[in-house]
C-alpha cells in the first residue's frame, strides 16, 4: 500500500470525511486503499479509498467547494486536479513507518504498517 503525505490540517479533514477531494497539481493513476500520513509526523493515521482523479475548471471548483474546502485564490497550479477519496478509516493509534529520504508525496508502506493498525 502507498501512503500519501498531507499537511496535518487537510489529513484530519480527509480522515473525518469532511474533505473528499485532495487538490494537487498533477493527476494520479493510483486507485484503491492508500494510507494517510501527516507530513513531518512519521505516522500513518488511517486509510481512504482513492477512487478517481478529475481535472478542475474554475466553474467546477466553485460548485464543489464543499468537497475540498480550498479557495481558488490559494492554488498555484496551472491545471488543478481533484483526487477523489472516500471510505475513510481512522486508526485507533497512529502507526509509525520509516520515511524514505526525499519522499514528498508518496511513500511505499510495508505490510507491517497497515497490518499493525488492525491489531487491537
PDB file of N, CA and C in Angstrom:
ATOM      1  N   UNK A   1       0.859  -1.177   0.000  1.00  0.00           N
ATOM      2  CA  UNK A   1       0.000   0.000   0.000  1.00  0.00           C
ATOM      3  C   UNK A   1       0.901   1.236   0.000  1.00  0.00           C
ATOM      4  N   UNK A   2       0.450   2.265  -0.679  1.00  0.00           N
ATOM      5  CA  UNK A   2       1.165   3.535  -0.686  1.00  0.00           C
ATOM      6  C   UNK A   2       0.548   4.470   0.341  1.00  0.00           C
ATOM      7  N   UNK A   3       1.373   5.356   0.879  1.00  0.00           N
ATOM      8  CA  UNK A   3       0.902   6.380   1.794  1.00  0.00           C
ATOM      9  C   UNK A   3       1.042   7.742   1.153  1.00  0.00           C
ATOM     10  N   UNK A   4       0.038   8.587   1.322  1.00  0.00           N
ATOM     11  CA  UNK A   4       0.042   9.942   0.787  1.00  0.00           C
ATOM     12  C   UNK A   4       0.393  10.908   1.909  1.00  0.00           C
ATOM     13  N   UNK A   5       1.404  11.720   1.684  1.00  0.00           N
ATOM     14  CA  UNK A   5       1.852  12.698   2.673  1.00  0.00           C
ATOM     15  C   UNK A   5       1.025  13.976   2.497  1.00  0.00           C
ATOM     16  N   UNK A   6       0.353  14.392   3.574  1.00  0.00           N
ATOM     17  CA  UNK A   6      -0.551  15.543   3.532  1.00  0.00           C
ATOM     18  C   UNK A   6      -0.327  16.395   4.777  1.00  0.00           C
ATOM     19  N   UNK A   7      -0.485  17.701   4.640  1.00  0.00           N
ATOM     20  CA  UNK A   7      -0.391  18.584   5.806  1.00  0.00           C
ATOM     21  C   UNK A   7      -1.442  18.169   6.834  1.00  0.00           C
ATOM     22  N   UNK A   8      -1.094  18.265   8.118  1.00  0.00           N
ATOM     23  CA  UNK A   8      -1.987  17.756   9.175  1.00  0.00           C
ATOM     24  C   UNK A   8      -3.430  18.263   9.114  1.00  0.00           C
ATOM     25  N   UNK A   9      -3.629  19.540   8.857  1.00  0.00           N
ATOM     26  CA  UNK A   9      -4.994  20.094   8.805  1.00  0.00           C
ATOM     27  C   UNK A   9      -5.850  19.355   7.780  1.00  0.00           C
ATOM     28  N   UNK A  10      -5.283  19.162   6.568  1.00  0.00           N
ATOM     29  CA  UNK A  10      -6.029  18.513   5.492  1.00  0.00           C
ATOM     30  C   UNK A  10      -6.178  17.015   5.753  1.00  0.00           C
ATOM     31  N   UNK A  11      -5.150  16.393   6.327  1.00  0.00           N
ATOM     32  CA  UNK A  11      -5.230  14.964   6.653  1.00  0.00           C
ATOM     33  C   UNK A  11      -6.382  14.703   7.630  1.00  0.00           C
ATOM     34  N   UNK A  12      -6.501  15.559   8.646  1.00  0.00           N
ATOM     35  CA  UNK A  12      -7.588  15.405   9.615  1.00  0.00           C
ATOM     36  C   UNK A  12      -8.949  15.533   8.946  1.00  0.00           C
ATOM     37  N   UNK A  13      -9.076  16.498   8.026  1.00  0.00           N
ATOM     38  CA  UNK A  13     -10.350  16.691   7.332  1.00  0.00           C
ATOM     39  C   UNK A  13     -10.676  15.519   6.411  1.00  0.00           C
ATOM     40  N   UNK A  14      -9.663  14.958   5.769  1.00  0.00           N
ATOM     41  CA  UNK A  14      -9.876  13.800   4.894  1.00  0.00           C
ATOM     42  C   UNK A  14     -10.305  12.592   5.712  1.00  0.00           C
ATOM     43  N   UNK A  15      -9.597  12.336   6.806  1.00  0.00           N
ATOM     44  CA  UNK A  15      -9.915  11.165   7.626  1.00  0.00           C
ATOM     45  C   UNK A  15     -11.255  11.293   8.345  1.00  0.00           C
ATOM     46  N   UNK A  16     -11.707  12.521   8.569  1.00  0.00           N
ATOM     47  CA  UNK A  16     -13.012  12.707   9.207  1.00  0.00           C
ATOM     48  C   UNK A  16     -14.155  12.634   8.187  1.00  0.00           C
ATOM     49  N   UNK A  17     -13.813  12.630   6.890  1.00  0.00           N
ATOM     50  CA  UNK A  17     -14.823  12.575   5.844  1.00  0.00           C
ATOM     51  C   UNK A  17     -15.344  13.937   5.424  1.00  0.00           C
ATOM     52  N   UNK A  18     -14.838  15.000   6.016  1.00  0.00           N
ATOM     53  CA  UNK A  18     -15.268  16.359   5.668  1.00  0.00           C
ATOM     54  C   UNK A  18     -14.732  16.758   4.293  1.00  0.00           C
ATOM     55  N   UNK A  19     -13.505  16.397   4.018  1.00  0.00           N
ATOM     56  CA  UNK A  19     -12.828  16.739   2.756  1.00  0.00           C
ATOM     57  C   UNK A  19     -12.699  15.456   1.933  1.00  0.00           C
ATOM     58  N   UNK A  20     -13.372  15.393   0.801  1.00  0.00           N
ATOM     59  CA  UNK A  20     -13.341  14.192  -0.034  1.00  0.00           C
ATOM     60  C   UNK A  20     -12.521  14.388  -1.309  1.00  0.00           C
ATOM     61  N   UNK A  21     -12.078  15.622  -1.555  1.00  0.00           N
ATOM     62  CA  UNK A  21     -11.209  15.908  -2.688  1.00  0.00           C
ATOM     63  C   UNK A  21      -9.904  16.491  -2.176  1.00  0.00           C
ATOM     64  N   UNK A  22      -8.787  15.885  -2.532  1.00  0.00           N
ATOM     65  CA  UNK A  22      -7.464  16.436  -2.261  1.00  0.00           C
ATOM     66  C   UNK A  22      -6.999  17.115  -3.538  1.00  0.00           C
ATOM     67  N   UNK A  23      -6.662  18.396  -3.473  1.00  0.00           N
ATOM     68  CA  UNK A  23      -6.287  19.161  -4.650  1.00  0.00           C
ATOM     69  C   UNK A  23      -4.779  19.079  -4.857  1.00  0.00           C
ATOM     70  N   UNK A  24      -4.397  18.673  -6.056  1.00  0.00           N
ATOM     71  CA  UNK A  24      -2.987  18.544  -6.411  1.00  0.00           C
ATOM     72  C   UNK A  24      -2.747  19.142  -7.790  1.00  0.00           C
ATOM     73  N   UNK A  25      -1.492  19.393  -8.120  1.00  0.00           N
ATOM     74  CA  UNK A  25      -1.129  19.997  -9.395  1.00  0.00           C
ATOM     75  C   UNK A  25      -0.854  19.007 -10.505  1.00  0.00           C
ATOM     76  N   UNK A  26      -1.045  17.733 -10.224  1.00  0.00           N
ATOM     77  CA  UNK A  26      -0.862  16.711 -11.252  1.00  0.00           C
ATOM     78  C   UNK A  26      -1.889  15.607 -11.036  1.00  0.00           C
ATOM     79  N   UNK A  27      -2.121  14.835 -12.074  1.00  0.00           N
ATOM     80  CA  UNK A  27      -3.067  13.731 -11.950  1.00  0.00           C
ATOM     81  C   UNK A  27      -2.361  12.545 -11.322  1.00  0.00           C
ATOM     82  N   UNK A  28      -3.151  11.614 -10.833  1.00  0.00           N
ATOM     83  CA  UNK A  28      -2.631  10.339 -10.350  1.00  0.00           C
ATOM     84  C   UNK A  28      -3.427   9.213 -10.983  1.00  0.00           C
ATOM     85  N   UNK A  29      -2.733   8.124 -11.235  1.00  0.00           N
ATOM     86  CA  UNK A  29      -3.398   6.938 -11.784  1.00  0.00           C
ATOM     87  C   UNK A  29      -3.594   5.887 -10.702  1.00  0.00           C
ATOM     88  N   UNK A  30      -3.145   6.185  -9.495  1.00  0.00           N
ATOM     89  CA  UNK A  30      -3.327   5.246  -8.383  1.00  0.00           C
ATOM     90  C   UNK A  30      -4.807   5.155  -8.035  1.00  0.00           C
ATOM     91  N   UNK A  31      -5.237   3.961  -7.649  1.00  0.00           N
ATOM     92  CA  UNK A  31      -6.594   3.731  -7.179  1.00  0.00           C
ATOM     93  C   UNK A  31      -6.530   2.694  -6.070  1.00  0.00           C
ATOM     94  N   UNK A  32      -7.521   2.720  -5.219  1.00  0.00           N
ATOM     95  CA  UNK A  32      -7.593   1.739  -4.152  1.00  0.00           C
ATOM     96  C   UNK A  32      -7.232   2.342  -2.801  1.00  0.00           C
ATOM     97  N   UNK A  33      -6.945   1.485  -1.847  1.00  0.00           N
ATOM     98  CA  UNK A  33      -6.659   1.916  -0.481  1.00  0.00           C
ATOM     99  C   UNK A  33      -5.276   2.534  -0.388  1.00  0.00           C
ATOM    100  N   UNK A  34      -5.221   3.716   0.231  1.00  0.00           N
ATOM    101  CA  UNK A  34      -3.942   4.393   0.484  1.00  0.00           C
ATOM    102  C   UNK A  34      -3.900   4.817   1.948  1.00  0.00           C
ATOM    103  N   UNK A  35      -2.703   4.884   2.481  1.00  0.00           N
ATOM    104  CA  UNK A  35      -2.521   5.396   3.832  1.00  0.00           C
ATOM    105  C   UNK A  35      -2.477   6.909   3.831  1.00  0.00           C
ATOM    106  N   UNK A  36      -2.911   7.511   4.929  1.00  0.00           N
ATOM    107  CA  UNK A  36      -2.848   8.964   5.087  1.00  0.00           C
ATOM    108  C   UNK A  36      -1.790   9.272   6.147  1.00  0.00           C
ATOM    109  N   UNK A  37      -0.766  10.015   5.715  1.00  0.00           N
ATOM    110  CA  UNK A  37       0.374  10.374   6.553  1.00  0.00           C
ATOM    111  C   UNK A  37       0.343  11.878   6.778  1.00  0.00           C
ATOM    112  N   UNK A  38       0.406  12.289   8.040  1.00  0.00           N
ATOM    113  CA  UNK A  38       0.535  13.720   8.320  1.00  0.00           C
ATOM    114  C   UNK A  38       2.002  14.093   8.154  1.00  0.00           C
ATOM    115  N   UNK A  39       2.269  15.068   7.271  1.00  0.00           N
ATOM    116  CA  UNK A  39       3.645  15.441   6.965  1.00  0.00           C
ATOM    117  C   UNK A  39       4.419  15.780   8.237  1.00  0.00           C
ATOM    118  N   UNK A  40       5.643  15.277   8.277  1.00  0.00           N
ATOM    119  CA  UNK A  40       6.533  15.531   9.405  1.00  0.00           C
ATOM    120  C   UNK A  40       6.292  14.653  10.616  1.00  0.00           C
ATOM    121  N   UNK A  41       5.295  13.777  10.573  1.00  0.00           N
ATOM    122  CA  UNK A  41       4.947  13.002  11.769  1.00  0.00           C
ATOM    123  C   UNK A  41       5.635  11.646  11.851  1.00  0.00           C
ATOM    124  N   UNK A  42       5.924  11.031  10.692  1.00  0.00           N
ATOM    125  CA  UNK A  42       6.443   9.674  10.696  1.00  0.00           C
ATOM    126  C   UNK A  42       5.394   8.645  11.072  1.00  0.00           C
ATOM    127  N   UNK A  43       4.101   9.031  10.944  1.00  0.00           N
ATOM    128  CA  UNK A  43       2.996   8.164  11.352  1.00  0.00           C
ATOM    129  C   UNK A  43       1.916   8.088  10.279  1.00  0.00           C
ATOM    130  N   UNK A  44       1.332   6.903  10.156  1.00  0.00           N
ATOM    131  CA  UNK A  44       0.168   6.699   9.288  1.00  0.00           C
ATOM    132  C   UNK A  44      -1.050   6.771  10.197  1.00  0.00           C
ATOM    133  N   UNK A  45      -1.984   7.657   9.893  1.00  0.00           N
ATOM    134  CA  UNK A  45      -3.133   7.914  10.758  1.00  0.00           C
ATOM    135  C   UNK A  45      -4.392   7.163  10.353  1.00  0.00           C
ATOM    136  N   UNK A  46      -4.415   6.623   9.139  1.00  0.00           N
ATOM    137  CA  UNK A  46      -5.591   5.898   8.679  1.00  0.00           C
ATOM    138  C   UNK A  46      -5.499   5.641   7.198  1.00  0.00           C
ATOM    139  N   UNK A  47      -6.622   5.228   6.619  1.00  0.00           N
ATOM    140  CA  UNK A  47      -6.665   4.949   5.185  1.00  0.00           C
ATOM    141  C   UNK A  47      -7.908   5.556   4.555  1.00  0.00           C
ATOM    142  N   UNK A  48      -7.843   5.719   3.250  1.00  0.00           N
ATOM    143  CA  UNK A  48      -9.001   6.104   2.440  1.00  0.00           C
ATOM    144  C   UNK A  48      -8.921   5.338   1.130  1.00  0.00           C
ATOM    145  N   UNK A  49     -10.028   5.323   0.412  1.00  0.00           N
ATOM    146  CA  UNK A  49     -10.047   4.765  -0.935  1.00  0.00           C
ATOM    147  C   UNK A  49      -9.833   5.918  -1.914  1.00  0.00           C
ATOM    148  N   UNK A  50      -8.803   5.825  -2.737  1.00  0.00           N
ATOM    149  CA  UNK A  50      -8.573   6.794  -3.808  1.00  0.00           C
ATOM    150  C   UNK A  50      -9.333   6.264  -5.022  1.00  0.00           C
ATOM    151  N   UNK A  51     -10.414   6.967  -5.376  1.00  0.00           N
ATOM    152  CA  UNK A  51     -11.365   6.439  -6.349  1.00  0.00           C
ATOM    153  C   UNK A  51     -11.258   7.036  -7.742  1.00  0.00           C
ATOM    154  N   UNK A  52     -10.772   8.276  -7.849  1.00  0.00           N
ATOM    155  CA  UNK A  52     -10.780   8.935  -9.143  1.00  0.00           C
ATOM    156  C   UNK A  52      -9.857  10.142  -9.114  1.00  0.00           C
ATOM    157  N   UNK A  53      -9.616  10.687 -10.286  1.00  0.00           N
ATOM    158  CA  UNK A  53      -8.842  11.913 -10.427  1.00  0.00           C
ATOM    159  C   UNK A  53      -9.527  12.763 -11.494  1.00  0.00           C
ATOM    160  N   UNK A  54      -9.877  14.005 -11.133  1.00  0.00           N
ATOM    161  CA  UNK A  54     -10.679  14.857 -12.004  1.00  0.00           C
ATOM    162  C   UNK A  54      -9.968  16.193 -12.231  1.00  0.00           C
ATOM    163  N   UNK A  55      -9.731  16.600 -13.510  1.00  0.00           N
ATOM    164  CA  UNK A  55      -9.189  17.942 -13.752  1.00  0.00           C
ATOM    165  C   UNK A  55     -10.250  18.984 -13.386  1.00  0.00           C
ATOM    166  N   UNK A  56      -9.808  20.076 -12.809  1.00  0.00           N
ATOM    167  CA  UNK A  56     -10.760  21.087 -12.339  1.00  0.00           C
ATOM    168  C   UNK A  56     -10.711  22.359 -13.169  1.00  0.00           C
ATOM    169  N   UNK A  57     -11.896  22.853 -13.496  1.00  0.00           N
ATOM    170  CA  UNK A  57     -12.036  24.190 -14.077  1.00  0.00           C
ATOM    171  C   UNK A  57     -12.461  25.112 -12.938  1.00  0.00           C
ATOM    172  N   UNK A  58     -12.411  26.411 -13.178  1.00  0.00           N
ATOM    173  CA  UNK A  58     -12.847  27.340 -12.143  1.00  0.00           C
ATOM    174  C   UNK A  58     -14.319  27.099 -11.792  1.00  0.00           C
ATOM    175  N   UNK A  59     -15.126  26.758 -12.800  1.00  0.00           N
ATOM    176  CA  UNK A  59     -16.551  26.518 -12.560  1.00  0.00           C
ATOM    177  C   UNK A  59     -16.765  25.326 -11.636  1.00  0.00           C
ATOM    178  N   UNK A  60     -16.186  24.152 -11.989  1.00  0.00           N
ATOM    179  CA  UNK A  60     -16.448  23.005 -11.115  1.00  0.00           C
ATOM    180  C   UNK A  60     -15.686  23.097  -9.795  1.00  0.00           C
ATOM    181  N   UNK A  61     -14.684  23.961  -9.737  1.00  0.00           N
ATOM    182  CA  UNK A  61     -14.016  24.250  -8.458  1.00  0.00           C
ATOM    183  C   UNK A  61     -15.017  24.872  -7.492  1.00  0.00           C
ATOM    184  N   UNK A  62     -15.706  25.905  -7.956  1.00  0.00           N
ATOM    185  CA  UNK A  62     -16.640  26.637  -7.096  1.00  0.00           C
ATOM    186  C   UNK A  62     -17.861  25.813  -6.700  1.00  0.00           C
ATOM    187  N   UNK A  63     -18.431  25.054  -7.616  1.00  0.00           N
ATOM    188  CA  UNK A  63     -19.651  24.303  -7.279  1.00  0.00           C
ATOM    189  C   UNK A  63     -19.355  23.078  -6.409  1.00  0.00           C
ATOM    190  N   UNK A  64     -18.068  22.733  -6.270  1.00  0.00           N
ATOM    191  CA  UNK A  64     -17.695  21.586  -5.442  1.00  0.00           C
ATOM    192  C   UNK A  64     -16.847  21.983  -4.239  1.00  0.00           C
ATOM    193  N   UNK A  65     -16.927  23.247  -3.845  1.00  0.00           N
ATOM    194  CA  UNK A  65     -16.115  23.752  -2.733  1.00  0.00           C
ATOM    195  C   UNK A  65     -16.326  22.940  -1.448  1.00  0.00           C
ATOM    196  N   UNK A  66     -17.520  22.403  -1.256  1.00  0.00           N
ATOM    197  CA  UNK A  66     -17.809  21.614  -0.057  1.00  0.00           C
ATOM    198  C   UNK A  66     -17.021  20.304  -0.027  1.00  0.00           C
ATOM    199  N   UNK A  67     -16.423  19.920  -1.155  1.00  0.00           N
ATOM    200  CA  UNK A  67     -15.653  18.678  -1.211  1.00  0.00           C
ATOM    201  C   UNK A  67     -14.166  18.888  -0.942  1.00  0.00           C
ATOM    202  N   UNK A  68     -13.663  20.116  -1.154  1.00  0.00           N
ATOM    203  CA  UNK A  68     -12.223  20.340  -0.990  1.00  0.00           C
ATOM    204  C   UNK A  68     -11.860  21.433   0.014  1.00  0.00           C
ATOM    205  N   UNK A  69     -12.744  22.399   0.266  1.00  0.00           N
ATOM    206  CA  UNK A  69     -12.543  23.435   1.286  1.00  0.00           C
ATOM    207  C   UNK A  69     -11.307  24.304   1.056  1.00  0.00           C
ATOM    208  N   UNK A  70     -10.956  24.508  -0.207  1.00  0.00           N
ATOM    209  CA  UNK A  70      -9.784  25.313  -0.544  1.00  0.00           C
ATOM    210  C   UNK A  70     -10.227  26.450  -1.454  1.00  0.00           C
ATOM    211  N   UNK A  71      -9.733  27.648  -1.180  1.00  0.00           N
ATOM    212  CA  UNK A  71     -10.043  28.800  -2.023  1.00  0.00           C
ATOM    213  C   UNK A  71      -9.247  28.724  -3.318  1.00  0.00           C
ATOM    214  N   UNK A  72      -9.901  29.048  -4.435  1.00  0.00           N
ATOM    215  CA  UNK A  72      -9.231  29.017  -5.740  1.00  0.00           C
ATOM    216  C   UNK A  72      -8.023  29.960  -5.740  1.00  0.00           C
ATOM    217  N   UNK A  73      -8.111  31.057  -5.021  1.00  0.00           N
ATOM    218  CA  UNK A  73      -7.019  32.029  -4.958  1.00  0.00           C
ATOM    219  C   UNK A  73      -5.774  31.462  -4.278  1.00  0.00           C
ATOM    220  N   UNK A  74      -5.941  30.423  -3.467  1.00  0.00           N
ATOM    221  CA  UNK A  74      -4.818  29.832  -2.744  1.00  0.00           C
ATOM    222  C   UNK A  74      -4.061  28.788  -3.558  1.00  0.00           C
ATOM    223  N   UNK A  75      -4.518  28.501  -4.773  1.00  0.00           N
ATOM    224  CA  UNK A  75      -3.909  27.453  -5.585  1.00  0.00           C
ATOM    225  C   UNK A  75      -3.014  28.069  -6.651  1.00  0.00           C
ATOM    226  N   UNK A  76      -1.821  27.489  -6.792  1.00  0.00           N
ATOM    227  CA  UNK A  76      -0.859  27.986  -7.769  1.00  0.00           C
ATOM    228  C   UNK A  76      -0.543  26.904  -8.809  1.00  0.00           C
ATOM    229  N   UNK A  77      -1.558  26.117  -9.181  1.00  0.00           N
ATOM    230  CA  UNK A  77      -1.372  25.053 -10.159  1.00  0.00           C
ATOM    231  C   UNK A  77      -1.910  25.502 -11.509  1.00  0.00           C
ATOM    232  N   UNK A  78      -1.172  25.197 -12.581  1.00  0.00           N
ATOM    233  CA  UNK A  78      -1.657  25.515 -13.921  1.00  0.00           C
ATOM    234  C   UNK A  78      -2.971  24.785 -14.184  1.00  0.00           C
ATOM    235  N   UNK A  79      -2.987  23.484 -13.928  1.00  0.00           N
ATOM    236  CA  UNK A  79      -4.209  22.689 -14.017  1.00  0.00           C
ATOM    237  C   UNK A  79      -4.367  21.932 -12.710  1.00  0.00           C
ATOM    238  N   UNK A  80      -5.285  22.356 -11.861  1.00  0.00           N
ATOM    239  CA  UNK A  80      -5.500  21.609 -10.615  1.00  0.00           C
ATOM    240  C   UNK A  80      -6.317  20.342 -10.877  1.00  0.00           C
ATOM    241  N   UNK A  81      -6.044  19.337 -10.057  1.00  0.00           N
ATOM    242  CA  UNK A  81      -6.764  18.069 -10.132  1.00  0.00           C
ATOM    243  C   UNK A  81      -7.341  17.741  -8.767  1.00  0.00           C
ATOM    244  N   UNK A  82      -8.517  17.164  -8.774  1.00  0.00           N
ATOM    245  CA  UNK A  82      -9.126  16.664  -7.546  1.00  0.00           C
ATOM    246  C   UNK A  82      -8.870  15.174  -7.478  1.00  0.00           C
ATOM    247  N   UNK A  83      -8.185  14.744  -6.424  1.00  0.00           N
ATOM    248  CA  UNK A  83      -8.021  13.323  -6.167  1.00  0.00           C
ATOM    249  C   UNK A  83      -9.197  12.944  -5.280  1.00  0.00           C
ATOM    250  N   UNK A  84     -10.126  12.183  -5.827  1.00  0.00           N
ATOM    251  CA  UNK A  84     -11.397  11.884  -5.168  1.00  0.00           C
ATOM    252  C   UNK A  84     -11.224  10.698  -4.208  1.00  0.00           C
ATOM    253  N   UNK A  85     -11.589  10.940  -2.936  1.00  0.00           N
ATOM    254  CA  UNK A  85     -11.381   9.949  -1.883  1.00  0.00           C
ATOM    255  C   UNK A  85     -12.667   9.665  -1.131  1.00  0.00           C
ATOM    256  N   UNK A  86     -12.744   8.488  -0.555  1.00  0.00           N
ATOM    257  CA  UNK A  86     -13.899   8.129   0.257  1.00  0.00           C
ATOM    258  C   UNK A  86     -13.559   6.994   1.206  1.00  0.00           C
ATOM    259  N   UNK A  87     -14.548   6.599   1.979  1.00  0.00           N
ATOM    260  CA  UNK A  87     -14.426   5.487   2.926  1.00  0.00           C
ATOM    261  C   UNK A  87     -13.236   5.626   3.884  1.00  0.00           C
ATOM    262  N   UNK A  88     -13.138   6.761   4.572  1.00  0.00           N
ATOM    263  CA  UNK A  88     -12.009   6.939   5.484  1.00  0.00           C
ATOM    264  C   UNK A  88     -12.091   6.012   6.701  1.00  0.00           C
ATOM    265  N   UNK A  89     -10.939   5.539   7.113  1.00  0.00           N
ATOM    266  CA  UNK A  89     -10.817   4.743   8.336  1.00  0.00           C
ATOM    267  C   UNK A  89      -9.696   5.361   9.164  1.00  0.00           C
ATOM    268  N   UNK A  90     -10.023   5.776  10.372  1.00  0.00           N
ATOM    269  CA  UNK A  90      -9.023   6.329  11.284  1.00  0.00           C
ATOM    270  C   UNK A  90      -8.494   5.199  12.152  1.00  0.00           C
ATOM    271  N   UNK A  91      -7.182   5.058  12.203  1.00  0.00           N
ATOM    272  CA  UNK A  91      -6.580   4.025  13.048  1.00  0.00           C
ATOM    273  C   UNK A  91      -6.783   4.385  14.519  1.00  0.00           C
ATOM    274  N   UNK A  92      -7.023   3.387  15.389  1.00  0.00           N
ATOM    275  CA  UNK A  92      -7.168   3.658  16.826  1.00  0.00           C
ATOM    276  C   UNK A  92      -5.909   4.330  17.392  1.00  0.00           C
ATOM    277  N   UNK A  93      -4.760   3.907  16.894  1.00  0.00           N
ATOM    278  CA  UNK A  93      -3.471   4.514  17.238  1.00  0.00           C
ATOM    279  C   UNK A  93      -2.693   4.687  15.944  1.00  0.00           C
ATOM    280  N   UNK A  94      -2.075   5.859  15.720  1.00  0.00           N
ATOM    281  CA  UNK A  94      -1.255   6.030  14.517  1.00  0.00           C
ATOM    282  C   UNK A  94      -0.127   4.991  14.492  1.00  0.00           C
ATOM    283  N   UNK A  95       0.234   4.559  13.286  1.00  0.00           N
ATOM    284  CA  UNK A  95       1.252   3.521  13.119  1.00  0.00           C
ATOM    285  C   UNK A  95       2.530   4.146  12.553  1.00  0.00           C
ATOM    286  N   UNK A  96       3.678   3.947  13.235  1.00  0.00           N
ATOM    287  CA  UNK A  96       4.933   4.520  12.731  1.00  0.00           C
ATOM    288  C   UNK A  96       5.425   3.792  11.477  1.00  0.00           C
ATOM    289  N   UNK A  97       6.150   4.510  10.659  1.00  0.00           N
ATOM    290  CA  UNK A  97       6.788   3.935   9.474  1.00  0.00           C
ATOM    291  C   UNK A  97       8.116   4.639   9.282  1.00  0.00           C
ATOM    292  N   UNK A  98       8.989   4.063   8.481  1.00  0.00           N
ATOM    293  CA  UNK A  98      10.287   4.684   8.193  1.00  0.00           C
ATOM    294  C   UNK A  98      10.138   5.526   6.934  1.00  0.00           C
ATOM    295  N   UNK A  99      10.312   6.836   7.078  1.00  0.00           N
ATOM    296  CA  UNK A  99      10.139   7.755   5.950  1.00  0.00           C
ATOM    297  C   UNK A  99      11.412   7.775   5.097  1.00  0.00           C
ATOM    298  N   UNK A 100      11.295   7.389   3.827  1.00  0.00           N
ATOM    299  CA  UNK A 100      12.479   7.393   2.963  1.00  0.00           C
ATOM    300  C   UNK A 100      12.944   8.818   2.645  1.00  0.00           C
ATOM    301  N   UNK A 101      14.233   8.987   2.564  1.00  0.00           N
ATOM    302  CA  UNK A 101      14.800  10.294   2.227  1.00  0.00           C
ATOM    303  C   UNK A 101      14.293  10.743   0.862  1.00  0.00           C
ATOM    304  N   UNK A 102      13.852  11.983   0.781  1.00  0.00           N
ATOM    305  CA  UNK A 102      13.393  12.557  -0.485  1.00  0.00           C
ATOM    306  C   UNK A 102      11.927  12.330  -0.806  1.00  0.00           C
ATOM    307  N   UNK A 103      11.226  11.495  -0.040  1.00  0.00           N
ATOM    308  CA  UNK A 103       9.808  11.245  -0.317  1.00  0.00           C
ATOM    309  C   UNK A 103       8.994  12.476   0.073  1.00  0.00           C
ATOM    310  N   UNK A 104       8.197  12.989  -0.866  1.00  0.00           N
ATOM    311  CA  UNK A 104       7.428  14.206  -0.618  1.00  0.00           C
ATOM    312  C   UNK A 104       5.926  13.962  -0.751  1.00  0.00           C
ATOM    313  N   UNK A 105       5.521  13.201  -1.745  1.00  0.00           N
ATOM    314  CA  UNK A 105       4.096  12.976  -1.989  1.00  0.00           C
ATOM    315  C   UNK A 105       3.695  11.561  -1.588  1.00  0.00           C
ATOM    316  N   UNK A 106       4.377  10.577  -2.144  1.00  0.00           N
ATOM    317  CA  UNK A 106       4.034   9.170  -1.911  1.00  0.00           C
ATOM    318  C   UNK A 106       5.130   8.452  -1.145  1.00  0.00           C
ATOM    319  N   UNK A 107       4.713   7.516  -0.291  1.00  0.00           N
ATOM    320  CA  UNK A 107       5.631   6.639   0.433  1.00  0.00           C
ATOM    321  C   UNK A 107       5.107   5.213   0.276  1.00  0.00           C
ATOM    322  N   UNK A 108       5.975   4.300  -0.100  1.00  0.00           N
ATOM    323  CA  UNK A 108       5.595   2.879  -0.176  1.00  0.00           C
ATOM    324  C   UNK A 108       5.632   2.325   1.248  1.00  0.00           C
ATOM    325  N   UNK A 109       4.486   1.834   1.714  1.00  0.00           N
ATOM    326  CA  UNK A 109       4.384   1.342   3.088  1.00  0.00           C
ATOM    327  C   UNK A 109       4.489  -0.177   3.124  1.00  0.00           C
ATOM    328  N   UNK A 110       5.296  -0.714   4.034  1.00  0.00           N
ATOM    329  CA  UNK A 110       5.369  -2.173   4.170  1.00  0.00           C
ATOM    330  C   UNK A 110       4.086  -2.713   4.796  1.00  0.00           C
ATOM    331  N   UNK A 111       3.794  -3.982   4.540  1.00  0.00           N
ATOM    332  CA  UNK A 111       2.574  -4.602   5.062  1.00  0.00           C
ATOM    333  C   UNK A 111       2.463  -4.465   6.570  1.00  0.00           C
ATOM    334  N   UNK A 112       3.585  -4.509   7.266  1.00  0.00           N
ATOM    335  CA  UNK A 112       3.560  -4.428   8.730  1.00  0.00           C
ATOM    336  C   UNK A 112       2.897  -3.141   9.216  1.00  0.00           C
ATOM    337  N   UNK A 113       2.996  -2.073   8.437  1.00  0.00           N
ATOM    338  CA  UNK A 113       2.405  -0.794   8.854  1.00  0.00           C
ATOM    339  C   UNK A 113       0.894  -0.874   8.886  1.00  0.00           C
ATOM    340  N   UNK A 114       0.276  -1.351   7.811  1.00  0.00           N
ATOM    341  CA  UNK A 114      -1.191  -1.382   7.808  1.00  0.00           C
ATOM    342  C   UNK A 114      -1.746  -2.621   8.476  1.00  0.00           C
ATOM    343  N   UNK A 115      -0.978  -3.698   8.564  1.00  0.00           N
ATOM    344  CA  UNK A 115      -1.443  -4.842   9.334  1.00  0.00           C
ATOM    345  C   UNK A 115      -1.394  -4.527  10.832  1.00  0.00           C
ATOM    346  N   UNK A 116      -0.400  -3.731  11.235  1.00  0.00           N
ATOM    347  CA  UNK A 116      -0.276  -3.332  12.627  1.00  0.00           C
ATOM    348  C   UNK A 116      -1.440  -2.482  13.101  1.00  0.00           C
ATOM    349  N   UNK A 117      -2.083  -1.775  12.184  1.00  0.00           N
ATOM    350  CA  UNK A 117      -3.232  -0.930  12.534  1.00  0.00           C
ATOM    351  C   UNK A 117      -4.452  -1.774  12.875  1.00  0.00           C
ATOM    352  N   UNK A 118      -4.466  -3.010  12.404  1.00  0.00           N
ATOM    353  CA  UNK A 118      -5.622  -3.874  12.634  1.00  0.00           C
ATOM    354  C   UNK A 118      -5.529  -4.647  13.941  1.00  0.00           C
ATOM    355  N   UNK A 119      -4.395  -4.546  14.629  1.00  0.00           N
ATOM    356  CA  UNK A 119      -4.258  -5.230  15.915  1.00  0.00           C
ATOM    357  C   UNK A 119      -5.004  -4.468  16.995  1.00  0.00           C
ATOM    358  N   UNK A 120      -5.593  -5.164  17.916  1.00  0.00           N
ATOM    359  CA  UNK A 120      -6.330  -4.487  18.990  1.00  0.00           C
ATOM    360  C   UNK A 120      -5.658  -4.705  20.311  1.00  0.00           C
TER     361      UNK A 120
END
